[in-house]
PDB file of all heavy atoms in Angstrom:
ATOM      1  N   GLY A   1       0.821  -1.196   0.000  1.00  0.00           N
ATOM      2  CA  GLY A   1       0.000   0.000   0.000  1.00  0.00           C
ATOM      3  C   GLY A   1       0.853   1.244   0.000  1.00  0.00           C
ATOM      4  O   GLY A   1       2.090   1.179  -0.040  1.00  0.00           O
ATOM      5  N   PRO A   2       0.224   2.417   0.056  1.00  0.00           N
ATOM      6  CA  PRO A   2       0.974   3.671   0.032  1.00  0.00           C
ATOM      7  C   PRO A   2       2.015   3.772   1.143  1.00  0.00           C
ATOM      8  O   PRO A   2       3.117   4.292   0.910  1.00  0.00           O
ATOM      9  CB  PRO A   2      -0.110   4.742   0.186  1.00  0.00           C
ATOM     10  CG  PRO A   2      -1.365   4.089  -0.266  1.00  0.00           C
ATOM     11  CD  PRO A   2      -1.229   2.647   0.082  1.00  0.00           C
ATOM     12  N   ARG A   3       1.694   3.298   2.333  1.00  0.00           N
ATOM     13  CA  ARG A   3       2.644   3.392   3.442  1.00  0.00           C
ATOM     14  C   ARG A   3       3.914   2.587   3.165  1.00  0.00           C
ATOM     15  O   ARG A   3       5.023   3.023   3.477  1.00  0.00           O
ATOM     16  CB  ARG A   3       1.970   2.923   4.749  1.00  0.00           C
ATOM     17  CG  ARG A   3       2.847   2.993   5.974  1.00  0.00           C
ATOM     18  CD  ARG A   3       3.280   4.433   6.282  1.00  0.00           C
ATOM     19  NE  ARG A   3       4.342   4.458   7.284  1.00  0.00           N
ATOM     20  CZ  ARG A   3       5.622   4.341   7.017  1.00  0.00           C
ATOM     21  NH1 ARG A   3       6.035   4.147   5.769  1.00  0.00           N
ATOM     22  NH2 ARG A   3       6.521   4.405   7.972  1.00  0.00           N
ATOM     23  N   GLU A   4       3.752   1.402   2.586  1.00  0.00           N
ATOM     24  CA  GLU A   4       4.919   0.577   2.248  1.00  0.00           C
ATOM     25  C   GLU A   4       5.718   1.195   1.107  1.00  0.00           C
ATOM     26  O   GLU A   4       6.955   1.147   1.107  1.00  0.00           O
ATOM     27  CB  GLU A   4       4.472  -0.844   1.885  1.00  0.00           C
ATOM     28  CG  GLU A   4       3.938  -1.670   3.055  1.00  0.00           C
ATOM     29  CD  GLU A   4       2.545  -1.257   3.490  1.00  0.00           C
ATOM     30  OE1 GLU A   4       1.756  -0.778   2.635  1.00  0.00           O
ATOM     31  OE2 GLU A   4       2.219  -1.422   4.685  1.00  0.00           O
ATOM     32  N   LEU A   5       5.026   1.769   0.138  1.00  0.00           N
ATOM     33  CA  LEU A   5       5.725   2.446  -0.949  1.00  0.00           C
ATOM     34  C   LEU A   5       6.540   3.616  -0.416  1.00  0.00           C
ATOM     35  O   LEU A   5       7.681   3.841  -0.838  1.00  0.00           O
ATOM     36  CB  LEU A   5       4.724   2.941  -1.999  1.00  0.00           C
ATOM     37  CG  LEU A   5       3.983   1.863  -2.790  1.00  0.00           C
ATOM     38  CD1 LEU A   5       2.926   2.504  -3.681  1.00  0.00           C
ATOM     39  CD2 LEU A   5       4.942   1.023  -3.619  1.00  0.00           C
ATOM     40  N   LEU A   6       5.965   4.351   0.518  1.00  0.00           N
ATOM     41  CA  LEU A   6       6.692   5.453   1.143  1.00  0.00           C
ATOM     42  C   LEU A   6       8.001   4.962   1.753  1.00  0.00           C
ATOM     43  O   LEU A   6       9.067   5.563   1.552  1.00  0.00           O
ATOM     44  CB  LEU A   6       5.823   6.102   2.220  1.00  0.00           C
ATOM     45  CG  LEU A   6       6.528   7.030   3.206  1.00  0.00           C
ATOM     46  CD1 LEU A   6       7.083   8.241   2.504  1.00  0.00           C
ATOM     47  CD2 LEU A   6       5.575   7.449   4.323  1.00  0.00           C
ATOM     48  N   ALA A   7       7.932   3.859   2.508  1.00  0.00           N
ATOM     49  CA  ALA A   7       9.137   3.346   3.172  1.00  0.00           C
ATOM     50  C   ALA A   7      10.193   2.931   2.165  1.00  0.00           C
ATOM     51  O   ALA A   7      11.368   3.280   2.290  1.00  0.00           O
ATOM     52  CB  ALA A   7       8.771   2.173   4.078  1.00  0.00           C
ATOM     53  N   LEU A   8       9.798   2.191   1.131  1.00  0.00           N
ATOM     54  CA  LEU A   8      10.749   1.618   0.192  1.00  0.00           C
ATOM     55  C   LEU A   8      11.331   2.634  -0.783  1.00  0.00           C
ATOM     56  O   LEU A   8      12.440   2.452  -1.284  1.00  0.00           O
ATOM     57  CB  LEU A   8      10.068   0.502  -0.602  1.00  0.00           C
ATOM     58  CG  LEU A   8       9.779  -0.783   0.171  1.00  0.00           C
ATOM     59  CD1 LEU A   8       8.734  -1.611  -0.549  1.00  0.00           C
ATOM     60  CD2 LEU A   8      11.059  -1.596   0.365  1.00  0.00           C
ATOM     61  N   LEU A   9      10.587   3.702  -1.059  1.00  0.00           N
ATOM     62  CA  LEU A   9      10.982   4.645  -2.108  1.00  0.00           C
ATOM     63  C   LEU A   9      11.431   5.995  -1.580  1.00  0.00           C
ATOM     64  O   LEU A   9      11.943   6.812  -2.349  1.00  0.00           O
ATOM     65  CB  LEU A   9       9.813   4.861  -3.077  1.00  0.00           C
ATOM     66  CG  LEU A   9       9.287   3.626  -3.798  1.00  0.00           C
ATOM     67  CD1 LEU A   9       8.100   4.001  -4.678  1.00  0.00           C
ATOM     68  CD2 LEU A   9      10.369   2.951  -4.616  1.00  0.00           C
ATOM     69  N   SER A  10      11.279   6.243  -0.265  1.00  0.00           N
ATOM     70  CA  SER A  10      11.631   7.572   0.244  1.00  0.00           C
ATOM     71  C   SER A  10      12.106   7.556   1.693  1.00  0.00           C
ATOM     72  O   SER A  10      13.232   7.936   1.992  1.00  0.00           O
ATOM     73  CB  SER A  10      10.425   8.513   0.106  1.00  0.00           C
ATOM     74  OG  SER A  10      10.731   9.798   0.568  1.00  0.00           O
ATOM     75  N   GLU A  11      11.242   7.124   2.603  1.00  0.00           N
ATOM     76  CA  GLU A  11      11.560   7.240   4.029  1.00  0.00           C
ATOM     77  C   GLU A  11      12.816   6.479   4.419  1.00  0.00           C
ATOM     78  O   GLU A  11      13.678   7.000   5.136  1.00  0.00           O
ATOM     79  CB  GLU A  11      10.384   6.754   4.875  1.00  0.00           C
ATOM     80  CG  GLU A  11      10.614   6.869   6.366  1.00  0.00           C
ATOM     81  CD  GLU A  11       9.490   6.295   7.198  1.00  0.00           C
ATOM     82  OE1 GLU A  11       8.373   6.128   6.667  1.00  0.00           O
ATOM     83  OE2 GLU A  11       9.723   6.004   8.386  1.00  0.00           O
ATOM     84  N   ASN A  12      12.929   5.228   3.954  1.00  0.00           N
ATOM     85  CA  ASN A  12      14.094   4.436   4.356  1.00  0.00           C
ATOM     86  C   ASN A  12      15.382   4.977   3.752  1.00  0.00           C
ATOM     87  O   ASN A  12      16.443   4.944   4.397  1.00  0.00           O
ATOM     88  CB  ASN A  12      13.897   2.969   3.976  1.00  0.00           C
ATOM     89  CG  ASN A  12      12.838   2.295   4.830  1.00  0.00           C
ATOM     90  OD1 ASN A  12      12.335   2.882   5.788  1.00  0.00           O
ATOM     91  ND2 ASN A  12      12.477   1.072   4.488  1.00  0.00           N
ATOM     92  N   GLN A  13      15.324   5.477   2.519  1.00  0.00           N
ATOM     93  CA  GLN A  13      16.512   6.109   1.940  1.00  0.00           C
ATOM     94  C   GLN A  13      16.944   7.294   2.802  1.00  0.00           C
ATOM     95  O   GLN A  13      18.140   7.481   3.065  1.00  0.00           O
ATOM     96  CB  GLN A  13      16.217   6.593   0.507  1.00  0.00           C
ATOM     97  CG  GLN A  13      16.257   5.496  -0.553  1.00  0.00           C
ATOM     98  CD  GLN A  13      14.932   4.807  -0.747  1.00  0.00           C
ATOM     99  OE1 GLN A  13      14.045   4.878   0.110  1.00  0.00           O
ATOM    100  NE2 GLN A  13      14.765   4.126  -1.868  1.00  0.00           N
ATOM    101  N   ALA A  14      15.981   8.098   3.242  1.00  0.00           N
ATOM    102  CA  ALA A  14      16.300   9.254   4.080  1.00  0.00           C
ATOM    103  C   ALA A  14      16.902   8.823   5.409  1.00  0.00           C
ATOM    104  O   ALA A  14      17.848   9.441   5.905  1.00  0.00           O
ATOM    105  CB  ALA A  14      15.046  10.094   4.302  1.00  0.00           C
ATOM    106  N   ARG A  15      16.368   7.753   5.986  1.00  0.00           N
ATOM    107  CA  ARG A  15      16.883   7.271   7.280  1.00  0.00           C
ATOM    108  C   ARG A  15      18.279   6.660   7.148  1.00  0.00           C
ATOM    109  O   ARG A  15      19.174   6.957   7.945  1.00  0.00           O
ATOM    110  CB  ARG A  15      15.911   6.244   7.877  1.00  0.00           C
ATOM    111  CG  ARG A  15      14.589   6.839   8.363  1.00  0.00           C
ATOM    112  CD  ARG A  15      13.717   5.768   9.003  1.00  0.00           C
ATOM    113  NE  ARG A  15      12.440   6.268   9.450  1.00  0.00           N
ATOM    114  CZ  ARG A  15      12.223   6.866  10.628  1.00  0.00           C
ATOM    115  NH1 ARG A  15      13.235   7.034  11.479  1.00  0.00           N
ATOM    116  NH2 ARG A  15      11.023   7.276  10.956  1.00  0.00           N
ATOM    117  N   VAL A  16      18.462   5.801   6.159  1.00  0.00           N
ATOM    118  CA  VAL A  16      19.751   5.112   6.002  1.00  0.00           C
ATOM    119  C   VAL A  16      20.861   6.100   5.671  1.00  0.00           C
ATOM    120  O   VAL A  16      21.987   5.956   6.147  1.00  0.00           O
ATOM    121  CB  VAL A  16      19.649   4.019   4.912  1.00  0.00           C
ATOM    122  CG1 VAL A  16      21.033   3.434   4.607  1.00  0.00           C
ATOM    123  CG2 VAL A  16      18.701   2.911   5.352  1.00  0.00           C
ATOM    124  N   PHE A  17      20.534   7.126   4.885  1.00  0.00           N
ATOM    125  CA  PHE A  17      21.574   7.996   4.355  1.00  0.00           C
ATOM    126  C   PHE A  17      21.569   9.405   4.939  1.00  0.00           C
ATOM    127  O   PHE A  17      22.068  10.351   4.326  1.00  0.00           O
ATOM    128  CB  PHE A  17      21.501   8.033   2.828  1.00  0.00           C
ATOM    129  CG  PHE A  17      21.802   6.696   2.207  1.00  0.00           C
ATOM    130  CD1 PHE A  17      20.829   5.992   1.527  1.00  0.00           C
ATOM    131  CD2 PHE A  17      23.062   6.129   2.347  1.00  0.00           C
ATOM    132  CE1 PHE A  17      21.107   4.750   0.970  1.00  0.00           C
ATOM    133  CE2 PHE A  17      23.353   4.890   1.808  1.00  0.00           C
ATOM    134  CZ  PHE A  17      22.381   4.196   1.117  1.00  0.00           C
ATOM    135  N   GLY A  18      21.024   9.558   6.150  1.00  0.00           N
ATOM    136  CA  GLY A  18      21.240  10.779   6.907  1.00  0.00           C
ATOM    137  C   GLY A  18      20.477  12.003   6.439  1.00  0.00           C
ATOM    138  O   GLY A  18      20.952  13.129   6.602  1.00  0.00           O
ATOM    139  N   MET A  19      19.264  11.794   5.892  1.00  0.00           N
ATOM    140  CA  MET A  19      18.461  12.933   5.442  1.00  0.00           C
ATOM    141  C   MET A  19      17.159  13.088   6.230  1.00  0.00           C
ATOM    142  O   MET A  19      16.406  14.030   6.005  1.00  0.00           O
ATOM    143  CB  MET A  19      18.125  12.794   3.952  1.00  0.00           C
ATOM    144  CG  MET A  19      19.320  12.937   3.043  1.00  0.00           C
ATOM    145  SD  MET A  19      18.905  12.713   1.283  1.00  0.00           S
ATOM    146  CE  MET A  19      18.955  10.927   1.159  1.00  0.00           C
ATOM    147  N   PHE A  20      16.870  12.169   7.106  1.00  0.00           N
ATOM    148  CA  PHE A  20      15.614  12.173   7.853  1.00  0.00           C
ATOM    149  C   PHE A  20      15.761  12.994   9.136  1.00  0.00           C
ATOM    150  O   PHE A  20      16.779  12.888   9.803  1.00  0.00           O
ATOM    151  CB  PHE A  20      15.227  10.729   8.208  1.00  0.00           C
ATOM    152  CG  PHE A  20      13.831  10.563   8.726  1.00  0.00           C
ATOM    153  CD1 PHE A  20      12.772  10.408   7.850  1.00  0.00           C
ATOM    154  CD2 PHE A  20      13.573  10.578  10.086  1.00  0.00           C
ATOM    155  CE1 PHE A  20      11.478  10.249   8.328  1.00  0.00           C
ATOM    156  CE2 PHE A  20      12.297  10.434  10.573  1.00  0.00           C
ATOM    157  CZ  PHE A  20      11.248  10.267   9.691  1.00  0.00           C
ATOM    158  N   PRO A  21      14.781  13.831   9.491  1.00  0.00           N
ATOM    159  CA  PRO A  21      13.457  14.066   8.901  1.00  0.00           C
ATOM    160  C   PRO A  21      13.407  15.261   7.958  1.00  0.00           C
ATOM    161  O   PRO A  21      12.323  15.732   7.640  1.00  0.00           O
ATOM    162  CB  PRO A  21      12.598  14.326  10.133  1.00  0.00           C
ATOM    163  CG  PRO A  21      13.531  15.077  11.049  1.00  0.00           C
ATOM    164  CD  PRO A  21      14.910  14.488  10.817  1.00  0.00           C
ATOM    165  N   ARG A  22      14.552  15.739   7.526  1.00  0.00           N
ATOM    166  CA  ARG A  22      14.522  16.823   6.540  1.00  0.00           C
ATOM    167  C   ARG A  22      13.810  16.354   5.281  1.00  0.00           C
ATOM    168  O   ARG A  22      13.085  17.124   4.640  1.00  0.00           O
ATOM    169  CB  ARG A  22      15.954  17.268   6.217  1.00  0.00           C
ATOM    170  CG  ARG A  22      16.034  18.377   5.180  1.00  0.00           C
ATOM    171  CD  ARG A  22      17.478  18.797   4.910  1.00  0.00           C
ATOM    172  NE  ARG A  22      17.535  19.700   3.765  1.00  0.00           N
ATOM    173  CZ  ARG A  22      18.664  20.118   3.208  1.00  0.00           C
ATOM    174  NH1 ARG A  22      19.839  19.712   3.689  1.00  0.00           N
ATOM    175  NH2 ARG A  22      18.635  20.932   2.162  1.00  0.00           N
ATOM    176  N   LYS A  23      14.036  15.087   4.937  1.00  0.00           N
ATOM    177  CA  LYS A  23      13.382  14.487   3.784  1.00  0.00           C
ATOM    178  C   LYS A  23      12.795  13.141   4.196  1.00  0.00           C
ATOM    179  O   LYS A  23      13.096  12.621   5.269  1.00  0.00           O
ATOM    180  CB  LYS A  23      14.369  14.322   2.631  1.00  0.00           C
ATOM    181  CG  LYS A  23      14.992  15.673   2.207  1.00  0.00           C
ATOM    182  CD  LYS A  23      15.694  15.609   0.893  1.00  0.00           C
ATOM    183  CE  LYS A  23      16.355  16.941   0.563  1.00  0.00           C
ATOM    184  NZ  LYS A  23      15.395  18.029   0.276  1.00  0.00           N
ATOM    185  N   GLY A  24      11.932  12.602   3.347  1.00  0.00           N
ATOM    186  CA  GLY A  24      11.367  11.283   3.625  1.00  0.00           C
ATOM    187  C   GLY A  24      10.136  11.284   4.498  1.00  0.00           C
ATOM    188  O   GLY A  24       9.643  10.220   4.861  1.00  0.00           O
ATOM    189  N   ILE A  25       9.597  12.462   4.828  1.00  0.00           N
ATOM    190  CA  ILE A  25       8.410  12.541   5.677  1.00  0.00           C
ATOM    191  C   ILE A  25       7.693  13.866   5.425  1.00  0.00           C
ATOM    192  O   ILE A  25       8.328  14.878   5.126  1.00  0.00           O
ATOM    193  CB  ILE A  25       8.791  12.419   7.178  1.00  0.00           C
ATOM    194  CG1 ILE A  25       7.543  12.349   8.052  1.00  0.00           C
ATOM    195  CG2 ILE A  25       9.698  13.553   7.611  1.00  0.00           C
ATOM    196  CD1 ILE A  25       7.852  12.045   9.526  1.00  0.00           C
ATOM    197  N   LEU A  26       6.376  13.817   5.502  1.00  0.00           N
ATOM    198  CA  LEU A  26       5.572  15.038   5.464  1.00  0.00           C
ATOM    199  C   LEU A  26       5.415  15.517   6.903  1.00  0.00           C
ATOM    200  O   LEU A  26       4.634  14.969   7.675  1.00  0.00           O
ATOM    201  CB  LEU A  26       4.194  14.767   4.852  1.00  0.00           C
ATOM    202  CG  LEU A  26       4.150  14.276   3.408  1.00  0.00           C
ATOM    203  CD1 LEU A  26       2.716  13.984   2.981  1.00  0.00           C
ATOM    204  CD2 LEU A  26       4.795  15.287   2.455  1.00  0.00           C
ATOM    205  N   ALA A  27       6.197  16.513   7.277  1.00  0.00           N
ATOM    206  CA  ALA A  27       6.177  17.027   8.644  1.00  0.00           C
ATOM    207  C   ALA A  27       6.488  18.516   8.616  1.00  0.00           C
ATOM    208  O   ALA A  27       7.217  18.992   7.729  1.00  0.00           O
ATOM    209  CB  ALA A  27       7.196  16.295   9.520  1.00  0.00           C
ATOM    210  N   VAL A  28       5.948  19.237   9.575  1.00  0.00           N
ATOM    211  CA  VAL A  28       6.250  20.665   9.673  1.00  0.00           C
ATOM    212  C   VAL A  28       7.752  20.843   9.852  1.00  0.00           C
ATOM    213  O   VAL A  28       8.372  20.201  10.710  1.00  0.00           O
ATOM    214  CB  VAL A  28       5.477  21.298  10.848  1.00  0.00           C
ATOM    215  CG1 VAL A  28       5.923  22.744  11.058  1.00  0.00           C
ATOM    216  CG2 VAL A  28       3.977  21.242  10.577  1.00  0.00           C
ATOM    217  N   GLY A  29       8.343  21.678   9.014  1.00  0.00           N
ATOM    218  CA  GLY A  29       9.780  21.919   9.065  1.00  0.00           C
ATOM    219  C   GLY A  29      10.580  21.088   8.091  1.00  0.00           C
ATOM    220  O   GLY A  29      11.742  21.388   7.821  1.00  0.00           O
ATOM    221  N   SER A  30       9.971  20.028   7.550  1.00  0.00           N
ATOM    222  CA  SER A  30      10.662  19.233   6.534  1.00  0.00           C
ATOM    223  C   SER A  30      10.696  20.001   5.219  1.00  0.00           C
ATOM    224  O   SER A  30       9.904  20.917   4.988  1.00  0.00           O
ATOM    225  CB  SER A  30       9.957  17.887   6.331  1.00  0.00           C
ATOM    226  OG  SER A  30      10.028  17.093   7.502  1.00  0.00           O
ATOM    227  N   ASP A  31      11.638  19.619   4.347  1.00  0.00           N
ATOM    228  CA  ASP A  31      11.727  20.273   3.045  1.00  0.00           C
ATOM    229  C   ASP A  31      10.447  20.056   2.242  1.00  0.00           C
ATOM    230  O   ASP A  31       9.835  18.981   2.318  1.00  0.00           O
ATOM    231  CB  ASP A  31      12.919  19.734   2.262  1.00  0.00           C
ATOM    232  CG  ASP A  31      14.256  20.162   2.851  1.00  0.00           C
ATOM    233  OD1 ASP A  31      14.255  21.050   3.720  1.00  0.00           O
ATOM    234  OD2 ASP A  31      15.295  19.601   2.438  1.00  0.00           O
ATOM    235  N   ALA A  32      10.080  21.042   1.453  1.00  0.00           N
ATOM    236  CA  ALA A  32       8.860  20.968   0.650  1.00  0.00           C
ATOM    237  C   ALA A  32       9.111  20.203  -0.643  1.00  0.00           C
ATOM    238  O   ALA A  32       8.952  20.715  -1.759  1.00  0.00           O
ATOM    239  CB  ALA A  32       8.338  22.370   0.366  1.00  0.00           C
ATOM    240  N   ASP A  33       9.554  18.959  -0.486  1.00  0.00           N
ATOM    241  CA  ASP A  33       9.674  18.010  -1.588  1.00  0.00           C
ATOM    242  C   ASP A  33       8.445  17.112  -1.497  1.00  0.00           C
ATOM    243  O   ASP A  33       8.314  16.311  -0.554  1.00  0.00           O
ATOM    244  CB  ASP A  33      10.937  17.168  -1.456  1.00  0.00           C
ATOM    245  CG  ASP A  33      12.212  17.991  -1.531  1.00  0.00           C
ATOM    246  OD1 ASP A  33      12.171  19.107  -2.078  1.00  0.00           O
ATOM    247  OD2 ASP A  33      13.250  17.515  -1.029  1.00  0.00           O
ATOM    248  N   VAL A  34       7.548  17.241  -2.455  1.00  0.00           N
ATOM    249  CA  VAL A  34       6.250  16.573  -2.358  1.00  0.00           C
ATOM    250  C   VAL A  34       5.887  15.966  -3.701  1.00  0.00           C
ATOM    251  O   VAL A  34       6.037  16.604  -4.748  1.00  0.00           O
ATOM    252  CB  VAL A  34       5.154  17.578  -1.932  1.00  0.00           C
ATOM    253  CG1 VAL A  34       3.787  16.889  -1.872  1.00  0.00           C
ATOM    254  CG2 VAL A  34       5.485  18.200  -0.577  1.00  0.00           C
ATOM    255  N   CYS A  35       5.403  14.733  -3.673  1.00  0.00           N
ATOM    256  CA  CYS A  35       4.890  14.073  -4.869  1.00  0.00           C
ATOM    257  C   CYS A  35       3.405  13.797  -4.669  1.00  0.00           C
ATOM    258  O   CYS A  35       3.029  12.999  -3.800  1.00  0.00           O
ATOM    259  CB  CYS A  35       5.635  12.770  -5.145  1.00  0.00           C
ATOM    260  SG  CYS A  35       4.957  11.855  -6.541  1.00  0.00           S
ATOM    261  N   VAL A  36       2.578  14.466  -5.462  1.00  0.00           N
ATOM    262  CA  VAL A  36       1.139  14.199  -5.477  1.00  0.00           C
ATOM    263  C   VAL A  36       0.905  13.102  -6.508  1.00  0.00           C
ATOM    264  O   VAL A  36       1.121  13.308  -7.705  1.00  0.00           O
ATOM    265  CB  VAL A  36       0.347  15.467  -5.826  1.00  0.00           C
ATOM    266  CG1 VAL A  36      -1.144  15.146  -5.885  1.00  0.00           C
ATOM    267  CG2 VAL A  36       0.622  16.575  -4.812  1.00  0.00           C
TER     268      VAL A  36
END
């Protein structure tokens, strides 16, 4: 589902490679990188 796609295509990359939570999550203060 969407949550699993998020992990495999964005969130986990951000976590493994030192970009989280700037990237890989929709959160206040995170970068405005958004895919609709």
